[in-house]
Amino acid sequence: MAFRSPDTKAVSDALSTVVSEISHALRSVRIENCQRAARMIASAPRLYFAGAGRSGIGMGMNAMRFMHLGLKVHMLSEPTAPAVNYGDVVIIPSGSGSTDSMLAIAHKVMRAGADVIALTTAADSPLNQIATVSIIIDAAGKQSSHRGSTVQYAGSLFEQAAILVLDSLFHAIWQVNHLENDVLWARHANWE
């Protein structure tokens, strides 16, 4: 199939749409839940990130940022991730809040004594019901027939907003702790 290239107006309109939708989605989150999540992250012995598909890929970006703060951070998908223990925090995004693999992880880590921070679009979802704290994002799920909150494809808006919510929590923790850029940068990969 040969694709047509978008003109300047189409690209400009797309950028405006994405910015507008992300702004709406970020304004929809409850600040008190974000603050509670930030408090949990800042005090966790270890911080773990999970996620399936594009959400999981996005969590790798967030994991790196929190590692820059000096927190002990792991991706659950990595074979070198140590066992989750009491007091650890596991961050799990799931637009639907019902992804089987993410629910299984949530149940297992909570049995080990960890807290779960969920990011989801569904306040009535199983993940939201069991999480220690949930950040509900006003975005359609990837297979949602209700598309009122987005015109973007599949779960794009949820994935974008989840990354930015966590980036905002990183930024808040960084700023209130008055850490210099050089301190964070010294933790960046030196093998690239």
Protein backbone atom coordinates (compact mmCIF):
# COMPACT_ATOMS: atom_id res chain seq x y z
CA MET A 1 0.00 0.00 0.00
CA ALA A 2 1.33 3.42 -0.93
CA PHE A 3 0.76 6.09 1.72
CA ARG A 4 0.13 9.73 0.95
CA SER A 5 2.31 12.25 2.78
CA PRO A 6 0.45 14.71 5.01
CA ASP A 7 0.69 18.39 4.13
CA THR A 8 1.70 21.13 6.58
CA LYS A 9 -1.88 21.71 7.74
CA ALA A 10 -2.45 18.02 8.46
CA VAL A 11 0.73 17.83 10.54
CA SER A 12 -0.10 21.07 12.37
CA ASP A 13 -3.64 19.87 13.09
CA ALA A 14 -2.33 16.54 14.39
CA LEU A 15 0.11 18.27 16.75
CA SER A 16 -2.63 20.55 18.03
CA THR A 17 -4.94 17.60 18.59
CA VAL A 18 -2.36 15.60 20.53
CA VAL A 19 -1.38 18.59 22.71
CA SER A 20 -5.01 19.41 23.44
CA GLU A 21 -5.91 15.83 24.33
CA ILE A 22 -2.88 15.38 26.57
CA SER A 23 -3.66 18.65 28.36
CA HIS A 24 -7.21 17.49 29.03
CA ALA A 25 -6.07 14.05 30.21
CA LEU A 26 -3.47 15.49 32.60
CA ARG A 27 -5.95 17.97 34.06
CA SER A 28 -8.29 15.05 34.77
CA VAL A 29 -6.02 13.30 37.29
CA ARG A 30 -6.62 13.79 41.00
CA ILE A 31 -3.66 15.66 42.46
CA GLU A 32 -4.09 14.03 45.88
CA ASN A 33 -3.61 10.58 44.31
CA CYS A 34 -0.52 11.83 42.48
CA GLN A 35 0.83 13.29 45.72
CA ARG A 36 0.21 10.01 47.54
CA ALA A 37 1.97 8.12 44.73
CA ALA A 38 4.94 10.52 44.86
CA ARG A 39 5.22 10.02 48.62
CA MET A 40 5.23 6.24 48.13
CA ILE A 41 7.86 6.45 45.39
CA ALA A 42 10.15 8.74 47.40
CA SER A 43 10.11 6.45 50.43
CA ALA A 44 10.24 3.05 48.70
CA PRO A 45 13.20 0.77 49.44
CA ARG A 46 12.94 -0.30 45.80
CA LEU A 47 10.80 0.84 42.90
CA TYR A 48 9.63 -1.54 40.17
CA PHE A 49 7.93 -0.86 36.85
CA ALA A 50 5.73 -3.26 34.92
CA GLY A 51 3.67 -2.87 31.79
CA ALA A 52 2.53 -4.73 28.71
CA GLY A 53 2.99 -3.54 25.14
CA ARG A 54 3.53 0.18 24.55
CA SER A 55 2.73 0.97 28.18
CA GLY A 56 5.62 -1.25 29.23
CA ILE A 57 7.96 0.42 26.77
CA GLY A 58 6.99 3.81 28.18
CA MET A 59 7.69 2.62 31.72
CA GLY A 60 11.31 2.04 30.76
CA MET A 61 11.63 5.79 30.18
CA ASN A 62 10.11 6.53 33.57
CA ALA A 63 12.26 3.92 35.32
CA MET A 64 15.37 5.63 33.97
CA ARG A 65 14.27 9.01 35.30
CA PHE A 66 13.65 7.72 38.82
CA MET A 67 17.00 5.91 38.72
CA HIS A 68 18.59 9.30 38.01
CA LEU A 69 17.24 10.46 41.38
CA GLY A 70 19.28 7.74 43.05
CA LEU A 71 16.37 5.40 43.79
CA LYS A 72 16.83 1.65 43.45
CA VAL A 73 14.78 0.98 40.31
CA HIS A 74 14.03 -2.17 38.34
CA MET A 75 11.90 -3.24 35.41
CA LEU A 76 10.02 -6.42 36.34
CA SER A 77 10.55 -7.66 32.79
CA GLU A 78 14.32 -7.80 33.25
CA PRO A 79 15.80 -11.12 34.36
CA THR A 80 18.10 -9.37 36.85
CA ALA A 81 15.23 -7.73 38.76
CA PRO A 82 15.43 -8.94 42.38
CA ALA A 83 12.51 -10.33 44.35
CA VAL A 84 9.87 -7.81 45.39
CA ASN A 85 9.65 -7.42 49.17
CA TYR A 86 7.64 -5.70 51.85
CA GLY A 87 7.53 -1.93 51.40
CA ASP A 88 8.65 -1.95 47.77
CA VAL A 89 6.50 -0.08 45.25
CA VAL A 90 5.41 -1.48 41.90
CA ILE A 91 4.03 0.85 39.22
CA ILE A 92 1.59 -0.81 36.84
CA PRO A 93 -0.07 0.95 33.89
CA SER A 94 -3.06 -0.68 32.23
CA GLY A 95 -5.52 1.38 30.24
CA SER A 96 -8.30 -1.14 30.74
CA GLY A 97 -7.18 -2.07 34.23
CA SER A 98 -7.97 -5.66 33.34
CA THR A 99 -4.87 -6.91 31.49
CA ASP A 100 -4.43 -10.46 32.81
CA SER A 101 -0.64 -10.32 33.07
CA MET A 102 -0.70 -7.00 34.95
CA LEU A 103 -3.40 -8.24 37.35
CA ALA A 104 -1.36 -11.37 38.05
CA ILE A 105 1.70 -9.24 38.81
CA ALA A 106 -0.32 -6.93 41.06
CA HIS A 107 -1.69 -9.84 43.08
CA LYS A 108 1.72 -11.50 43.45
CA VAL A 109 3.64 -8.39 44.51
CA MET A 110 0.94 -7.37 46.95
CA ARG A 111 1.11 -10.84 48.55
CA ALA A 112 4.86 -10.16 48.95
CA GLY A 113 4.00 -6.95 50.84
CA ALA A 114 4.60 -4.41 48.10
CA ASP A 115 2.38 -1.46 47.32
CA VAL A 116 0.95 -1.00 43.83
CA ILE A 117 0.51 2.31 42.04
CA ALA A 118 -1.90 1.78 39.17
CA LEU A 119 -2.40 4.05 36.19
CA THR A 120 -5.60 3.28 34.33
CA THR A 121 -8.56 4.79 32.51
CA ALA A 122 -11.09 2.62 34.31
CA ALA A 123 -12.21 3.51 37.81
CA ASP A 124 -14.30 0.33 37.95
CA SER A 125 -11.47 -1.96 36.84
CA PRO A 126 -10.03 -4.89 38.81
CA LEU A 127 -6.60 -3.21 38.92
CA ASN A 128 -8.05 -0.04 40.38
CA GLN A 129 -9.91 -2.06 43.01
CA ILE A 130 -6.78 -3.79 44.35
CA ALA A 131 -4.12 -1.07 43.93
CA THR A 132 -2.79 0.81 46.92
CA VAL A 133 -3.30 4.04 44.99
CA SER A 134 -4.73 4.59 41.52
CA ILE A 135 -4.24 7.44 39.13
CA ILE A 136 -7.25 7.51 36.84
CA ILE A 137 -6.58 9.13 33.47
CA ASP A 138 -9.47 10.38 31.35
CA ALA A 139 -8.58 8.61 28.11
CA ALA A 140 -10.28 5.94 26.07
CA GLY A 141 -8.89 2.44 26.33
CA LYS A 142 -7.25 0.93 23.27
CA GLN A 143 -10.33 -1.08 22.35
CA SER A 144 -12.93 1.27 23.79
CA SER A 145 -15.99 1.95 21.71
CA HIS A 146 -16.41 5.19 23.67
CA ARG A 147 -13.92 7.47 21.94
CA GLY A 148 -15.15 10.80 23.31
CA SER A 149 -11.88 11.65 25.06
CA THR A 150 -9.62 11.03 22.07
CA VAL A 151 -9.45 10.79 18.32
CA GLN A 152 -6.00 9.22 18.47
CA TYR A 153 -5.47 5.58 17.58
CA ALA A 154 -5.95 2.85 20.19
CA GLY A 155 -4.43 3.58 23.60
CA SER A 156 -2.12 6.38 22.47
CA LEU A 157 -3.59 9.06 24.74
CA PHE A 158 -3.47 6.83 27.82
CA GLU A 159 0.13 5.82 27.10
CA GLN A 160 1.23 9.42 26.53
CA ALA A 161 -0.51 10.67 29.66
CA ALA A 162 0.80 7.84 31.86
CA ILE A 163 4.38 8.67 30.88
CA LEU A 164 3.82 12.38 31.55
CA VAL A 165 2.08 11.81 34.90
CA LEU A 166 5.09 9.82 36.10
CA ASP A 167 7.49 12.38 34.62
CA SER A 168 5.62 15.01 36.63
CA LEU A 169 6.03 12.98 39.83
CA PHE A 170 9.74 12.62 39.06
CA HIS A 171 9.97 16.39 38.53
CA ALA A 172 8.17 17.15 41.80
CA ILE A 173 10.43 14.81 43.81
CA TRP A 174 13.52 16.21 42.11
CA GLN A 175 12.57 19.82 42.77
CA VAL A 176 11.55 19.47 46.43
CA ASN A 177 14.83 17.67 47.14
CA HIS A 178 16.90 20.43 45.48
CA LEU A 179 19.12 18.01 43.59
CA GLU A 180 21.54 19.53 41.12
CA ASN A 181 21.47 18.44 37.49
CA ASP A 182 25.06 17.22 37.77
CA VAL A 183 24.10 14.84 40.60
CA LEU A 184 21.45 13.20 38.42
CA TRP A 185 23.59 13.24 35.28
CA ALA A 186 26.41 11.39 37.08
CA ARG A 187 24.03 8.40 37.29
CA HIS A 188 23.32 8.38 33.55
CA ALA A 189 24.68 5.48 31.52
CA ASN A 190 28.36 6.10 30.74
CA TRP A 191 28.61 3.27 28.22
CA GLU A 192 26.45 4.81 25.49
